[in-house]
Amino acid sequence: MKEQLLSKNRDLQITRHPQASRPELADFDELFDHAQELHDSIAKRAYELFEHDGHEPGRDLEHWLNAEKETLHPVAVELMESDDALTLRAEVPGFRGEDLKLSVEPRRLAISGKRETHEEKESRRTIYQERLSNQICRSLELPIEIDPSQTKAAIQDGVLEISMPKAPRARQLHVAGRAQ
């Protein structure tokens, strides 16, 4: 059962498969604002780590990377090209379509998301606890121009798949090798 949904942003078509969910579309400016908020959050946490280490200089990168690791969930992506489209697969385990926002432009794609987790507190004292990051933010410059109005996205089993047809101009451009 497939149904085509038209989105409010650039008429992006999203294909819904059984058990698949629909990512929300957002303007690139909105995702940029979210990325700025994430940057500020990471910077604040990096400074807290710096303070915790007694203001020891020379460990800026280590503090930044640790803060980033605590704040953001890594997003592994695979970008594939066919004759008429680019297809991106992004691993977003635990995220639903409702948790994600996408922005598609002719030469740029941005994925952002935040998931809510609710844990019940027990009356026991916590000795050790690890937390998973609940936010993602990934922006990619595309190698060729695509047609944002014909882009389709679906998420299933923790994998977001975005199909982006090439712009007509990009389809016609072929570089021939020269014989020597």
Protein backbone atom coordinates (compact mmCIF):
# COMPACT_ATOMS: atom_id res chain seq x y z
CA MET A 1 0.00 0.00 0.00
CA LYS A 2 1.67 3.18 -1.18
CA GLU A 3 0.10 6.59 -1.06
CA GLN A 4 1.56 9.82 -2.37
CA LEU A 5 1.39 12.78 -0.03
CA LEU A 6 2.01 16.34 -1.12
CA SER A 7 3.86 18.46 1.35
CA LYS A 8 3.41 22.13 2.06
CA ASN A 9 7.09 22.87 1.32
CA ARG A 10 8.02 22.90 -2.38
CA ASP A 11 5.43 20.21 -3.21
CA LEU A 12 7.79 17.54 -1.92
CA GLN A 13 6.24 14.12 -2.38
CA ILE A 14 6.65 11.68 0.46
CA THR A 15 5.90 8.03 -0.12
CA ARG A 16 4.38 6.27 2.86
CA HIS A 17 4.99 2.54 3.08
CA PRO A 18 3.29 0.29 5.62
CA GLN A 19 4.93 0.98 8.99
CA ALA A 20 6.78 3.90 7.45
CA SER A 21 6.37 7.43 8.73
CA ARG A 22 6.60 10.88 7.20
CA PRO A 23 9.39 13.35 7.98
CA GLU A 24 8.32 16.98 8.35
CA LEU A 25 9.62 19.54 5.88
CA ALA A 26 11.17 22.77 7.01
CA ASP A 27 12.78 25.82 5.46
CA PHE A 28 16.56 25.74 5.38
CA ASP A 29 16.56 28.89 7.55
CA GLU A 30 14.58 27.05 10.24
CA LEU A 31 17.10 24.20 10.21
CA PHE A 32 19.95 26.72 10.29
CA ASP A 33 18.42 28.24 13.45
CA HIS A 34 18.21 24.74 14.96
CA ALA A 35 21.86 24.11 14.03
CA GLN A 36 22.82 27.39 15.72
CA GLU A 37 20.98 26.30 18.90
CA LEU A 38 22.84 22.97 18.80
CA HIS A 39 26.15 24.81 18.34
CA ASP A 40 25.41 26.98 21.36
CA SER A 41 24.46 23.92 23.42
CA ILE A 42 27.66 22.11 22.44
CA ALA A 43 29.76 25.21 23.20
CA LYS A 44 28.17 25.52 26.64
CA ARG A 45 28.80 21.85 27.41
CA ALA A 46 32.41 22.09 26.13
CA TYR A 47 33.00 25.02 28.48
CA GLU A 48 31.53 23.01 31.36
CA LEU A 49 34.01 20.21 30.57
CA PHE A 50 36.82 22.80 30.45
CA GLU A 51 35.79 24.08 33.89
CA HIS A 52 35.52 20.54 35.24
CA ASP A 53 39.11 19.84 34.14
CA GLY A 54 40.35 22.85 36.13
CA HIS A 55 40.64 25.30 33.19
CA GLU A 56 43.54 23.30 31.77
CA PRO A 57 44.51 24.82 28.39
CA GLY A 58 45.21 22.83 25.23
CA ARG A 59 42.28 20.43 25.40
CA ASP A 60 39.73 22.53 23.47
CA LEU A 61 39.20 20.00 20.69
CA GLU A 62 38.82 17.12 23.13
CA HIS A 63 36.22 19.07 25.13
CA TRP A 64 34.36 20.08 21.97
CA LEU A 65 34.28 16.54 20.56
CA ASN A 66 33.11 15.09 23.88
CA ALA A 67 30.37 17.73 24.14
CA GLU A 68 29.32 17.04 20.55
CA LYS A 69 29.23 13.30 21.21
CA GLU A 70 26.99 13.87 24.25
CA THR A 71 24.66 16.21 22.34
CA LEU A 72 24.28 14.74 18.84
CA HIS A 73 23.47 11.26 17.56
CA PRO A 74 25.78 10.45 14.61
CA VAL A 75 24.04 10.01 11.26
CA ALA A 76 25.70 7.61 8.84
CA VAL A 77 24.71 8.37 5.25
CA GLU A 78 25.12 6.73 1.88
CA LEU A 79 24.62 8.81 -1.28
CA MET A 80 24.10 6.90 -4.52
CA GLU A 81 23.70 8.17 -8.08
CA SER A 82 21.76 6.65 -10.97
CA ASP A 83 21.26 8.11 -14.44
CA ASP A 84 18.24 10.15 -13.37
CA ALA A 85 18.38 10.55 -9.56
CA LEU A 86 20.38 10.76 -6.36
CA THR A 87 19.31 8.51 -3.50
CA LEU A 88 20.38 9.13 0.06
CA ARG A 89 20.03 6.59 2.84
CA ALA A 90 20.55 7.85 6.37
CA GLU A 91 20.62 5.68 9.49
CA VAL A 92 18.32 7.24 12.07
CA PRO A 93 17.50 4.41 14.51
CA GLY A 94 14.87 5.25 17.08
CA PHE A 95 13.62 8.29 15.13
CA ARG A 96 10.16 8.35 13.58
CA GLY A 97 9.09 10.49 10.65
CA GLU A 98 7.38 12.88 13.06
CA ASP A 99 10.73 13.44 14.81
CA LEU A 100 12.53 14.52 11.62
CA LYS A 101 12.62 17.71 9.56
CA LEU A 102 14.01 17.86 6.04
CA SER A 103 15.02 20.76 3.85
CA VAL A 104 15.68 20.13 0.18
CA GLU A 105 17.22 22.69 -2.14
CA PRO A 106 18.70 22.23 -5.64
CA ARG A 107 22.26 21.70 -4.32
CA ARG A 108 21.72 21.09 -0.59
CA LEU A 109 19.93 18.68 1.75
CA ALA A 110 19.52 19.08 5.50
CA ILE A 111 18.19 16.55 8.00
CA SER A 112 17.37 17.54 11.56
CA GLY A 113 15.53 15.75 14.29
CA LYS A 114 14.79 15.46 17.94
CA ARG A 115 13.17 12.53 19.69
CA GLU A 116 11.56 12.53 23.07
CA THR A 117 12.31 9.75 25.50
CA HIS A 118 10.45 9.31 28.71
CA GLU A 119 11.85 7.24 31.54
CA GLU A 120 10.10 6.33 34.72
CA LYS A 121 12.11 7.14 37.82
CA GLU A 122 12.56 4.41 40.34
CA SER A 123 13.15 4.96 44.01
CA ARG A 124 16.62 3.42 43.75
CA ARG A 125 19.82 5.43 43.84
CA THR A 126 21.59 5.57 40.47
CA ILE A 127 25.17 4.35 40.58
CA TYR A 128 25.97 4.54 36.87
CA GLN A 129 23.98 5.82 33.90
CA GLU A 130 24.63 6.25 30.18
CA ARG A 131 22.47 8.42 27.99
CA LEU A 132 21.91 8.34 24.29
CA SER A 133 21.81 11.51 22.30
CA ASN A 134 18.32 12.42 21.17
CA GLN A 135 19.15 14.95 18.44
CA ILE A 136 20.53 14.78 14.92
CA CYS A 137 21.60 17.48 12.51
CA ARG A 138 23.21 16.75 9.16
CA SER A 139 23.63 18.98 6.13
CA LEU A 140 25.02 17.84 2.79
CA GLU A 141 26.08 19.74 -0.30
CA LEU A 142 24.86 17.68 -3.26
CA PRO A 143 27.30 16.96 -6.11
CA ILE A 144 24.72 17.83 -8.78
CA GLU A 145 21.55 19.89 -8.99
CA ILE A 146 18.31 18.08 -8.17
CA ASP A 147 14.62 18.94 -8.57
CA PRO A 148 13.34 19.61 -5.02
CA SER A 149 9.69 19.53 -6.12
CA GLN A 150 9.99 15.87 -7.18
CA THR A 151 11.86 14.62 -4.12
CA LYS A 152 10.37 11.68 -2.20
CA ALA A 153 11.21 10.53 1.33
CA ALA A 154 10.24 7.58 3.51
CA ILE A 155 11.51 6.15 6.76
CA GLN A 156 11.29 2.50 7.67
CA ASP A 157 13.18 0.31 10.13
CA GLY A 158 15.40 3.20 11.21
CA VAL A 159 16.54 4.08 7.69
CA LEU A 160 15.50 7.33 6.03
CA GLU A 161 15.55 7.04 2.24
CA ILE A 162 15.34 10.18 0.13
CA SER A 163 15.03 9.93 -3.65
CA MET A 164 15.98 13.17 -5.43
CA PRO A 165 15.48 13.27 -9.21
CA LYS A 166 18.18 15.16 -11.06
CA ALA A 167 17.27 18.51 -12.53
CA PRO A 168 16.73 18.23 -16.31
CA ARG A 169 19.91 20.21 -16.92
CA ALA A 170 21.98 17.80 -14.77
CA ARG A 171 20.62 14.75 -16.61
CA GLN A 172 21.85 16.07 -19.98
CA LEU A 173 25.39 16.84 -18.87
CA HIS A 174 27.69 13.93 -19.68
CA VAL A 175 31.47 14.24 -19.84
CA ALA A 176 33.10 12.12 -22.51
CA GLY A 177 36.63 10.84 -22.02
CA ARG A 178 39.20 11.78 -24.63
CA ALA A 179 41.17 9.05 -26.38
CA GLN A 180 44.89 9.59 -26.24
